[in-house]
Protein backbone atom coordinates (compact mmCIF):
# COMPACT_ATOMS: atom_id res chain seq x y z
CA UNK A 1 -197.59 -183.42 97.90
CA UNK A 2 -197.81 -181.56 94.59
CA UNK A 3 -200.10 -182.20 91.66
CA UNK A 4 -199.06 -182.95 88.07
CA UNK A 5 -197.03 -180.34 86.27
CA UNK A 6 -199.26 -178.36 83.87
CA UNK A 7 -198.64 -179.14 80.22
CA UNK A 8 -196.94 -176.25 78.45
CA UNK A 9 -198.16 -175.92 74.87
CA UNK A 10 -197.52 -173.36 72.14
CA UNK A 11 -200.37 -171.04 71.10
CA UNK A 12 -202.10 -171.62 67.77
CA UNK A 13 -200.67 -169.18 65.21
CA UNK A 14 -199.49 -168.91 61.62
CA UNK A 15 -196.04 -169.97 62.79
CA UNK A 16 -197.35 -173.24 64.23
CA UNK A 17 -199.68 -174.29 61.41
CA UNK A 18 -197.07 -176.53 59.82
CA UNK A 19 -196.60 -178.49 63.05
CA UNK A 20 -200.25 -179.52 63.43
CA UNK A 21 -201.19 -183.20 63.06
CA UNK A 22 -201.96 -184.20 59.48
CA UNK A 23 -205.57 -185.08 60.38
CA UNK A 24 -206.30 -181.42 61.17
CA UNK A 25 -207.45 -179.51 58.07
CA UNK A 26 -205.69 -176.22 57.40
CA UNK A 27 -206.38 -173.21 55.15
CA UNK A 28 -206.00 -174.14 51.48
CA UNK A 29 -204.31 -170.85 50.60
CA UNK A 30 -201.40 -168.64 51.66
CA UNK A 31 -202.73 -166.44 54.45
CA UNK A 32 -200.10 -163.78 53.76
CA UNK A 33 -201.61 -163.25 50.30
CA UNK A 34 -205.24 -162.70 51.28
CA UNK A 35 -206.83 -159.25 51.59
CA UNK A 36 -209.72 -158.00 53.70
CA UNK A 37 -212.85 -157.47 51.61
CA UNK A 38 -215.51 -158.19 54.24
CA UNK A 39 -216.35 -156.59 57.57
CA UNK A 40 -218.52 -158.72 59.83
CA UNK A 41 -220.44 -157.11 62.70
CA UNK A 42 -221.05 -159.54 65.56
CA UNK A 43 -218.04 -161.85 65.87
CA UNK A 44 -219.82 -164.56 67.85
CA UNK A 45 -219.59 -168.32 67.60
CA UNK A 46 -222.26 -168.69 64.92
CA UNK A 47 -220.45 -166.44 62.45
CA UNK A 48 -217.14 -168.18 63.07
CA UNK A 49 -218.71 -171.64 62.69
CA UNK A 50 -220.86 -170.74 59.68
CA UNK A 51 -220.26 -167.77 57.35
CA UNK A 52 -216.53 -167.50 58.08
CA UNK A 53 -216.09 -171.14 57.03
CA UNK A 54 -217.74 -170.46 53.67
CA UNK A 55 -215.47 -167.43 53.26
CA UNK A 56 -212.51 -169.62 54.21
CA UNK A 57 -213.38 -171.93 51.33
CA UNK A 58 -213.89 -168.96 48.99
CA UNK A 59 -210.41 -167.61 49.77
CA UNK A 60 -208.89 -170.63 48.06
CA UNK A 61 -210.61 -169.36 44.88
CA UNK A 62 -210.27 -165.58 45.32
CA UNK A 63 -207.90 -163.95 47.85
CA UNK A 64 -209.85 -160.67 48.08
CA UNK A 65 -212.51 -161.82 50.55
CA UNK A 66 -210.83 -162.17 53.93
CA UNK A 67 -212.82 -160.97 56.94
CA UNK A 68 -212.33 -158.29 59.57
CA UNK A 69 -214.52 -159.47 62.47
CA UNK A 70 -215.92 -156.73 64.69
CA UNK A 71 -217.42 -157.15 68.14
CA UNK A 72 -219.50 -154.10 68.89
CA UNK A 73 -219.02 -154.12 72.67
CA UNK A 74 -217.33 -157.17 74.16
CA UNK A 75 -213.55 -157.42 73.62
CA UNK A 76 -213.30 -161.12 74.54
CA UNK A 77 -213.20 -162.50 70.98
CA UNK A 78 -210.61 -159.93 69.94
CA UNK A 79 -208.47 -160.61 73.00
CA UNK A 80 -208.64 -164.37 72.41
CA UNK A 81 -208.02 -164.42 68.65
CA UNK A 82 -205.74 -161.48 67.93
CA UNK A 83 -202.69 -163.21 69.53
CA UNK A 84 -203.49 -166.14 67.20
CA UNK A 85 -203.55 -163.95 64.10
CA UNK A 86 -207.29 -164.57 63.83
CA UNK A 87 -206.87 -168.33 63.53
CA UNK A 88 -209.21 -170.65 65.42
CA UNK A 89 -210.34 -174.25 65.37
CA UNK A 90 -213.71 -175.51 64.16
CA UNK A 91 -214.78 -178.85 65.66
CA UNK A 92 -217.38 -180.62 63.54
CA UNK A 93 -219.51 -182.86 65.74
CA UNK A 94 -220.59 -185.93 63.81
CA UNK A 95 -220.20 -189.68 63.79
CA UNK A 96 -216.57 -189.03 62.82
CA UNK A 97 -215.51 -185.79 64.59
CA UNK A 98 -213.27 -183.50 62.55
CA UNK A 99 -211.06 -180.51 63.32
CA UNK A 100 -210.36 -177.67 60.94
CA UNK A 101 -208.32 -174.50 61.32
CA UNK A 102 -210.17 -171.51 59.87
CA UNK A 103 -208.00 -168.68 58.56
CA UNK A 104 -210.59 -166.30 57.07
CA UNK A 105 -210.28 -163.70 59.84
CA UNK A 106 -207.43 -161.32 59.03
CA UNK A 107 -208.53 -158.69 61.49
CA UNK A 108 -210.34 -158.80 64.82
CA UNK A 109 -211.57 -155.53 66.36
CA UNK A 110 -213.76 -154.35 69.22
CA UNK A 111 -215.71 -151.21 68.35
CA UNK A 112 -216.09 -150.13 71.96
CA UNK A 113 -212.41 -149.24 72.29
CA UNK A 114 -211.22 -149.29 68.65
CA UNK A 115 -213.90 -147.10 67.08
CA UNK A 116 -211.57 -145.27 64.71
CA UNK A 117 -210.13 -148.53 63.37
CA UNK A 118 -213.61 -149.95 62.75
CA UNK A 119 -214.81 -146.85 60.88
CA UNK A 120 -211.59 -146.74 58.86
CA UNK A 121 -212.11 -150.35 57.84
CA UNK A 122 -215.72 -149.68 56.81
CA UNK A 123 -214.53 -146.70 54.74
CA UNK A 124 -211.83 -148.75 53.00
CA UNK A 125 -212.82 -149.17 49.31
CA UNK A 126 -211.33 -152.69 49.40
CA UNK A 127 -214.22 -153.68 51.67
CA UNK A 128 -217.14 -154.55 49.41
CA UNK A 129 -219.36 -156.56 51.74
CA UNK A 130 -220.57 -156.01 55.31
CA UNK A 131 -222.28 -158.96 57.00
CA UNK A 132 -224.11 -159.12 60.33
CA UNK A 133 -225.02 -161.61 63.05
CA UNK A 134 -226.19 -159.31 65.85
CA UNK A 135 -229.45 -161.14 66.76
CA UNK A 136 -232.86 -159.56 66.27
CA UNK A 137 -232.44 -157.12 69.14
CA UNK A 138 -229.29 -155.73 67.51
CA UNK A 139 -231.40 -154.15 64.76
CA UNK A 140 -233.11 -151.80 67.26
CA UNK A 141 -236.54 -152.31 65.72
CA UNK A 142 -240.02 -151.67 66.97
CA UNK A 143 -242.26 -153.69 64.71
CA UNK A 144 -240.74 -153.38 61.23
CA UNK A 145 -239.29 -149.89 61.69
CA UNK A 146 -236.32 -148.41 63.49
CA UNK A 147 -236.97 -147.60 67.13
CA UNK A 148 -235.97 -143.96 67.44
CA UNK A 149 -236.46 -144.18 71.20
CA UNK A 150 -233.88 -146.95 71.55
CA UNK A 151 -230.95 -145.60 73.63
CA UNK A 152 -228.37 -146.75 71.07
CA UNK A 153 -230.19 -145.01 68.23
CA UNK A 154 -230.65 -141.85 70.29
CA UNK A 155 -226.89 -141.91 70.99
CA UNK A 156 -225.89 -142.56 67.38
CA UNK A 157 -228.07 -139.81 65.93
CA UNK A 158 -226.57 -137.37 68.42
CA UNK A 159 -222.97 -138.54 67.78
CA UNK A 160 -222.95 -140.21 64.34
CA UNK A 161 -219.15 -140.31 64.21
CA UNK A 162 -219.01 -142.42 67.37
CA UNK A 163 -221.73 -145.04 66.82
CA UNK A 164 -222.50 -147.93 69.16
CA UNK A 165 -225.27 -149.74 67.21
CA UNK A 166 -224.92 -151.92 64.15
CA UNK A 167 -227.23 -149.56 62.23
CA UNK A 168 -225.12 -146.55 63.27
CA UNK A 169 -221.91 -148.26 62.13
CA UNK A 170 -223.36 -149.24 58.75
CA UNK A 171 -224.56 -145.69 58.05
CA UNK A 172 -221.33 -144.10 59.32
CA UNK A 173 -219.28 -146.28 56.99
CA UNK A 174 -221.52 -145.54 54.01
CA UNK A 175 -221.42 -141.81 54.76
CA UNK A 176 -217.63 -141.84 54.66
CA UNK A 177 -217.57 -143.72 51.38
CA UNK A 178 -220.05 -141.36 49.76
CA UNK A 179 -218.04 -138.35 50.93
CA UNK A 180 -214.84 -139.88 49.51
CA UNK A 181 -216.47 -140.81 46.20
CA UNK A 182 -216.09 -144.56 46.80
CA UNK A 183 -218.60 -147.23 45.81
CA UNK A 184 -220.77 -148.52 48.66
CA UNK A 185 -220.63 -151.98 50.15
CA UNK A 186 -223.38 -154.60 50.07
CA UNK A 187 -224.98 -155.11 53.50
CA UNK A 188 -225.95 -158.74 54.14
CA UNK A 189 -227.92 -159.77 57.21
CA UNK A 190 -227.21 -163.34 58.36
CA UNK A 191 -229.59 -163.31 61.32
CA UNK A 192 -232.65 -165.52 61.67
CA UNK A 193 -235.04 -162.66 61.03
CA UNK A 194 -237.89 -162.90 58.55
CA UNK A 195 -237.23 -160.72 55.49
CA UNK A 196 -233.93 -159.78 57.11
CA UNK A 197 -232.57 -157.81 54.17
CA UNK A 198 -235.78 -155.84 53.70
CA UNK A 199 -236.05 -154.97 57.39
CA UNK A 200 -232.37 -154.05 57.64
CA UNK A 201 -232.63 -151.78 54.60
CA UNK A 202 -235.66 -150.05 56.09
CA UNK A 203 -233.88 -149.50 59.42
CA UNK A 204 -230.77 -148.11 57.71
CA UNK A 205 -232.85 -145.74 55.57
CA UNK A 206 -234.89 -144.61 58.59
CA UNK A 207 -231.67 -143.73 60.40
CA UNK A 208 -230.02 -142.07 57.39
CA UNK A 209 -233.15 -140.05 56.58
CA UNK A 210 -233.19 -138.60 60.08
CA UNK A 211 -229.46 -137.86 59.85
CA UNK A 212 -229.07 -136.65 56.26
CA UNK A 213 -231.83 -137.00 53.61
CA UNK A 214 -229.32 -136.79 50.76
CA UNK A 215 -227.35 -139.67 52.24
CA UNK A 216 -230.57 -141.68 52.57
CA UNK A 217 -231.36 -141.08 48.88
CA UNK A 218 -227.87 -142.27 47.90
CA UNK A 219 -228.18 -145.41 50.02
CA UNK A 220 -231.65 -146.15 48.60
CA UNK A 221 -230.32 -145.86 45.04
CA UNK A 222 -226.90 -147.50 45.40
CA UNK A 223 -226.74 -150.00 48.27
CA UNK A 224 -227.92 -153.62 48.10
CA UNK A 225 -229.40 -155.43 51.09
CA UNK A 226 -229.84 -159.08 50.06
CA UNK A 227 -232.03 -161.40 52.09
CA UNK A 228 -230.58 -164.64 53.41
CA UNK A 229 -231.33 -167.79 55.39
CA UNK A 230 -228.82 -169.60 57.61
CA UNK A 231 -228.94 -172.90 59.45
CA UNK A 232 -226.54 -174.93 61.59
CA UNK A 233 -226.60 -175.98 65.23
CA UNK A 234 -223.68 -174.34 67.06
CA UNK A 235 -223.32 -175.37 70.72
CA UNK A 236 -221.51 -172.94 72.97
CA UNK A 237 -217.76 -173.28 73.51
CA UNK A 238 -216.86 -174.76 76.89
CA UNK A 239 -213.72 -175.93 78.68
CA UNK A 240 -214.34 -179.50 77.53
CA UNK A 241 -214.07 -178.34 73.91
CA UNK A 242 -210.98 -176.25 74.63
CA UNK A 243 -209.26 -179.20 76.31
CA UNK A 244 -210.27 -181.63 73.56
CA UNK A 245 -208.97 -179.30 70.87
CA UNK A 246 -205.72 -178.62 72.72
CA UNK A 247 -205.07 -182.33 73.14
CA UNK A 248 -205.73 -182.98 69.45
CA UNK A 249 -203.65 -180.03 68.18
CA UNK A 250 -200.85 -180.18 70.72
CA UNK A 251 -201.42 -176.40 70.87
CA UNK A 252 -203.70 -174.07 72.80
CA UNK A 253 -206.59 -172.34 71.07
CA UNK A 254 -208.18 -169.67 73.24
CA UNK A 255 -211.55 -169.82 71.52
CA UNK A 256 -212.41 -172.79 69.32
CA UNK A 257 -215.99 -173.21 68.09
CA UNK A 258 -218.10 -176.26 67.32
CA UNK A 259 -221.08 -177.15 65.15
CA UNK A 260 -222.92 -180.05 63.61
CA UNK A 261 -221.78 -181.30 60.16
CA UNK A 262 -224.86 -179.87 58.44
CA UNK A 263 -224.78 -176.25 57.38
CA UNK A 264 -226.99 -174.28 55.01
CA UNK A 265 -226.74 -170.75 53.65
CA UNK A 266 -229.19 -169.37 51.10
CA UNK A 267 -228.52 -165.86 49.77
CA UNK A 268 -230.40 -163.57 47.42
CA UNK A 269 -228.02 -162.86 44.54
CA UNK A 270 -228.26 -159.07 44.73
CA UNK A 271 -224.92 -157.37 45.41
CA UNK A 272 -223.85 -153.86 44.48
CA UNK A 273 -220.04 -154.13 44.51
CA UNK A 274 -219.01 -157.65 43.56
CA UNK A 275 -219.21 -160.73 45.75
CA UNK A 276 -217.22 -163.82 46.75
CA UNK A 277 -217.68 -166.97 44.61
CA UNK A 278 -220.37 -168.18 47.01
CA UNK A 279 -222.04 -170.59 44.61
CA UNK A 280 -218.74 -172.50 44.30
CA UNK A 281 -218.43 -173.15 48.04
CA UNK A 282 -221.86 -174.55 48.82
CA UNK A 283 -224.02 -171.42 49.18
CA UNK A 284 -227.41 -171.57 47.44
CA UNK A 285 -228.19 -168.41 45.47
CA UNK A 286 -231.92 -167.89 45.18
CA UNK A 287 -234.56 -165.20 44.69
CA UNK A 288 -236.98 -167.22 46.84
CA UNK A 289 -235.57 -166.82 50.34
CA UNK A 290 -239.10 -166.96 51.75
CA UNK A 291 -239.57 -170.40 50.20
CA UNK A 292 -236.42 -171.73 51.88
CA UNK A 293 -237.44 -170.08 55.16
CA UNK A 294 -240.85 -171.74 55.00
CA UNK A 295 -239.30 -175.15 54.26
CA UNK A 296 -237.00 -174.78 57.26
CA UNK A 297 -239.79 -173.58 59.53
CA UNK A 298 -242.13 -176.38 58.61
CA UNK A 299 -239.76 -179.31 58.02
CA UNK A 300 -237.15 -178.59 60.69
CA UNK A 301 -238.76 -176.46 63.39
CA UNK A 302 -242.20 -178.12 63.30
CA UNK A 303 -240.85 -181.67 63.73
CA UNK A 304 -238.44 -180.36 66.39
CA UNK A 305 -241.43 -179.25 68.46
CA UNK A 306 -243.19 -182.55 67.78
CA UNK A 307 -240.16 -184.48 69.03
CA UNK A 308 -239.97 -182.24 72.10
CA UNK A 309 -243.53 -182.57 73.35
CA UNK A 310 -244.07 -186.21 72.37
CA UNK A 311 -240.58 -187.20 73.52
CA UNK A 312 -241.05 -185.58 76.93
CA UNK A 313 -244.31 -187.50 77.40
CA UNK A 314 -242.30 -190.66 76.75
CA UNK A 315 -239.67 -189.70 79.34
CA UNK A 316 -236.92 -188.94 76.82
CA UNK A 317 -234.30 -186.20 77.25
CA UNK A 318 -232.66 -185.27 73.95
CA UNK A 319 -233.50 -185.17 70.24
CA UNK A 320 -231.08 -188.04 69.61
CA UNK A 321 -232.83 -190.07 72.35
CA UNK A 322 -236.17 -189.36 70.69
CA UNK A 323 -234.85 -190.56 67.32
CA UNK A 324 -233.70 -193.81 68.94
CA UNK A 325 -237.32 -194.49 69.92
CA UNK A 326 -238.59 -196.54 66.94
CA UNK A 327 -242.21 -195.42 67.17
CA UNK A 328 -241.43 -191.73 67.58
CA UNK A 329 -238.77 -191.72 64.84
CA UNK A 330 -241.19 -193.36 62.41
CA UNK A 331 -243.94 -190.91 63.40
CA UNK A 332 -241.76 -187.86 62.75
CA UNK A 333 -240.57 -189.14 59.38
CA UNK A 334 -244.15 -189.79 58.25
CA UNK A 335 -245.14 -186.36 59.57
CA UNK A 336 -242.46 -184.74 57.43
CA UNK A 337 -242.87 -186.73 54.24
CA UNK A 338 -246.62 -187.34 54.16
CA UNK A 339 -248.12 -184.37 56.00
CA UNK A 340 -245.75 -181.38 55.88
CA UNK A 341 -243.94 -181.71 52.54
CA UNK A 342 -247.17 -181.59 50.46
CA UNK A 343 -248.00 -178.18 51.94
CA UNK A 344 -244.87 -176.56 50.50
CA UNK A 345 -244.26 -174.74 47.25
CA UNK A 346 -240.75 -176.06 46.81
CA UNK A 347 -238.27 -173.34 45.80
CA UNK A 348 -235.96 -173.91 42.85
CA UNK A 349 -232.70 -175.41 44.09
CA UNK A 350 -234.17 -177.33 47.04
CA UNK A 351 -234.19 -181.14 46.71
CA UNK A 352 -237.02 -181.85 49.14
CA UNK A 353 -236.31 -185.56 49.60
CA UNK A 354 -232.63 -184.93 50.26
CA UNK A 355 -233.48 -182.05 52.60
CA UNK A 356 -235.80 -184.23 54.68
CA UNK A 357 -233.15 -186.95 54.81
CA UNK A 358 -230.54 -184.43 55.97
CA UNK A 359 -232.83 -183.16 58.73
CA UNK A 360 -233.49 -186.70 59.96
CA UNK A 361 -229.74 -187.34 60.02
CA UNK A 362 -229.28 -184.15 62.05
CA UNK A 363 -231.92 -185.28 64.53
CA UNK A 364 -230.12 -188.63 64.93
CA UNK A 365 -226.69 -187.10 65.54
CA UNK A 366 -225.61 -188.35 69.00
CA UNK A 367 -222.82 -185.77 69.22
CA UNK A 368 -225.37 -182.93 69.57
CA UNK A 369 -227.13 -183.11 72.95
CA UNK A 370 -230.12 -180.92 72.09
CA UNK A 371 -232.41 -181.15 75.10
CA UNK A 372 -236.12 -181.61 74.47
CA UNK A 373 -236.97 -179.51 77.52
CA UNK A 374 -235.22 -176.52 75.94
CA UNK A 375 -236.96 -176.97 72.59
CA UNK A 376 -240.25 -177.07 74.53
CA UNK A 377 -239.75 -173.48 75.75
CA UNK A 378 -242.04 -170.77 74.38
CA UNK A 379 -244.56 -173.18 72.89
CA UNK A 380 -247.30 -170.54 72.77
CA UNK A 381 -245.11 -168.50 70.38
CA UNK A 382 -243.64 -171.36 68.35
CA UNK A 383 -246.62 -173.61 67.63
CA UNK A 384 -248.69 -171.06 65.66
CA UNK A 385 -245.88 -170.57 63.13
CA UNK A 386 -244.36 -174.05 63.24
CA UNK A 387 -247.48 -176.22 63.01
CA UNK A 388 -250.82 -174.40 62.93
CA UNK A 389 -250.20 -172.82 59.52
CA UNK A 390 -249.31 -176.23 58.11
CA UNK A 391 -252.46 -177.73 59.65
CA UNK A 392 -254.69 -175.11 58.06
CA UNK A 393 -253.01 -175.52 54.65
CA UNK A 394 -253.40 -179.31 54.81
CA UNK A 395 -257.04 -178.98 55.80
CA UNK A 396 -257.73 -176.54 52.96
CA UNK A 397 -256.22 -179.06 50.53
CA UNK A 398 -258.44 -181.85 51.86
CA UNK A 399 -255.61 -183.84 53.39
CA UNK A 400 -255.69 -185.62 56.80
CA UNK A 401 -254.56 -183.55 59.78
CA UNK A 402 -254.65 -185.96 62.73
CA UNK A 403 -250.90 -186.58 62.72
CA UNK A 404 -250.20 -182.85 62.46
CA UNK A 405 -252.49 -182.12 65.40
CA UNK A 406 -250.97 -184.72 67.74
CA UNK A 407 -247.97 -182.49 68.71
CA UNK A 408 -250.44 -179.70 69.59
CA UNK A 409 -252.24 -182.12 71.89
CA UNK A 410 -248.89 -183.20 73.33
CA UNK A 411 -248.08 -179.58 74.13
CA UNK A 412 -251.32 -179.34 76.08
CA UNK A 413 -250.35 -182.45 78.07
CA UNK A 414 -246.89 -180.97 78.61
CA UNK A 415 -248.41 -177.79 80.08
CA UNK A 416 -250.75 -179.85 82.28
CA UNK A 417 -247.90 -182.01 83.61
CA UNK A 418 -245.65 -179.04 84.31
CA UNK A 419 -248.46 -177.39 86.29
CA UNK A 420 -249.27 -180.61 88.12
CA UNK A 421 -245.61 -181.08 89.10
CA UNK A 422 -245.14 -177.43 90.09
CA UNK A 423 -242.52 -176.83 87.40
CA UNK A 424 -242.40 -173.28 86.05
CA UNK A 425 -242.99 -172.86 82.32
CA UNK A 426 -240.56 -170.90 80.18
CA UNK A 427 -243.08 -169.07 78.04
CA UNK A 428 -244.31 -165.47 77.62
CA UNK A 429 -247.79 -166.77 78.49
CA UNK A 430 -246.58 -168.79 81.47
CA UNK A 431 -249.15 -167.42 83.95
CA UNK A 432 -252.16 -168.08 81.73
CA UNK A 433 -250.88 -171.51 80.76
CA UNK A 434 -250.11 -172.51 84.35
CA UNK A 435 -253.67 -171.59 85.35
CA UNK A 436 -255.12 -173.73 82.55
CA UNK A 437 -252.72 -176.55 83.41
CA UNK A 438 -253.79 -176.56 87.05
CA UNK A 439 -257.46 -176.71 86.04
CA UNK A 440 -256.93 -179.51 83.50
CA UNK A 441 -258.05 -182.97 84.52
CA UNK A 442 -256.38 -185.12 81.88
CA UNK A 443 -259.64 -185.66 80.01
CA UNK A 444 -260.53 -184.69 76.44
CA UNK A 445 -262.56 -181.74 77.75
CA UNK A 446 -259.27 -179.99 78.62
CA UNK A 447 -258.83 -179.04 74.97
CA UNK A 448 -261.54 -176.37 75.23
CA UNK A 449 -259.62 -174.71 78.09
CA UNK A 450 -256.61 -174.20 75.81
CA UNK A 451 -258.56 -173.13 72.74
CA UNK A 452 -259.67 -169.93 74.47
CA UNK A 453 -256.09 -168.69 73.99
CA UNK A 454 -256.76 -166.72 70.82
CA UNK A 455 -253.16 -165.46 70.81
CA UNK A 456 -252.12 -169.06 70.14
CA UNK A 457 -254.93 -170.58 68.11
CA UNK A 458 -256.51 -167.62 66.36
CA UNK A 459 -259.15 -168.65 63.83
CA UNK A 460 -258.14 -172.31 64.14
CA UNK A 461 -260.00 -172.41 67.46
CA UNK A 462 -263.24 -172.03 65.53
CA UNK A 463 -262.55 -174.67 62.87
CA UNK A 464 -264.38 -177.85 63.90
CA UNK A 465 -262.09 -180.19 61.96
CA UNK A 466 -258.99 -178.86 63.73
CA UNK A 467 -260.65 -178.84 67.15
CA UNK A 468 -261.86 -182.42 66.69
CA UNK A 469 -258.43 -183.63 65.52
CA UNK A 470 -256.69 -182.04 68.52
CA UNK A 471 -259.32 -183.53 70.84
CA UNK A 472 -258.79 -187.01 69.35
CA UNK A 473 -255.03 -186.67 69.82
CA UNK A 474 -255.41 -185.41 73.37
CA UNK A 475 -257.69 -188.31 74.29
CA UNK A 476 -255.34 -190.83 72.67
CA UNK A 477 -252.38 -189.43 74.62
CA UNK A 478 -254.44 -189.62 77.81
CA UNK A 479 -254.85 -193.32 77.22
CA UNK A 480 -251.35 -194.27 76.09
CA UNK A 481 -248.64 -192.13 74.49
CA UNK A 482 -246.94 -195.08 72.80
CA UNK A 483 -250.07 -196.27 70.98
CA UNK A 484 -251.11 -192.71 70.03
CA UNK A 485 -247.74 -192.14 68.32
CA UNK A 486 -247.84 -195.49 66.56
CA UNK A 487 -251.34 -194.94 65.16
């Protein structure tokens, strides 16, 4: 007995665009007329679901800003997308799911085995912008400076014409342009890294100075490194997405990507060789990237942690589940509007009320299964920057802090429960936390055991008002999580 005959479908390509169902959005420009003006290092899912979509919109206004996407080591993206002419599908996961074909990629390379092609593209005077999503480790930093002991940096300084690191590629491309008398490109970091443009510039100059001081002087004088902030949840591609996309298109797409409907990109308007019409496609241009970063950290990441620790105490599994709990949803909204928002110096261009509303909508989105247990990871590292700074600012301004301190108390209960149940913590301080958790009794006195962790609490551990507020929250959660959240 044989199974069903496999469905034979055409492969997504320029030739098949016209045959797609009308509900599938397609590029709003002639792909044959666009020209590569951007090289992107790090051709992962986030770039293809985020920046490349903005560039796709910009190409309908200016054809000179198509993208050559470069994977530094792994050829998988190139091998999947090159047969499709760089086309891929974006699935937008909302109440009404949408599919869109993105055509911004006009080249897809892998530096590991196409090094000459990558360097030639970086040297091309038509390329005026280089963007990066290589994650923090891709910058090869130690602290805020370049790590000259990093194996990739050691390699690239020894063989600068055959780089393997992102920093090595950027400098190699700039060196070629300087030697040819061409204008440099702007280098724009799109990674979630504080002061990303400043730190990238410093790393590039450190490398160039060691290689060629004259080149470093030219880069310092001529090249722009704008700061930026990016935001959008981008779940990994899986076979379920591939099958869903293939069924909807009637065509196979080797590597579709997916994200939530919300997307944000804030960029410092400091470019040295022209730029795409970013402000016309939804990008916020601002000199106050730190202000937008702080708003995101406090209004998105802080409440995320609150939902995680309080939701887990209530037996919930995902952010959407937590937002369906009336008491917890109301608590988080009050936390954002009444306790966190007043601590912010709102940057020009940010509508705070609309931003809070958009975050709450994101939290409610049932199409994104963001697990609370995953958000709860690394609490010892996250809570100091997500909540404790807000607590201290609120206290200094004479505002109440009990609601802000309740998620801290919930984290302590989370650690205690994990230790009690023999569940390993995912946290750099897991051993110390597990010891405290095993010693905790579920009484208010437990708070003092946690406050000895100066790496977490710092000076806050000595501020009586904060200690008392955490202790009140911890005791209330000992009695009844539901009533503590509702209070």
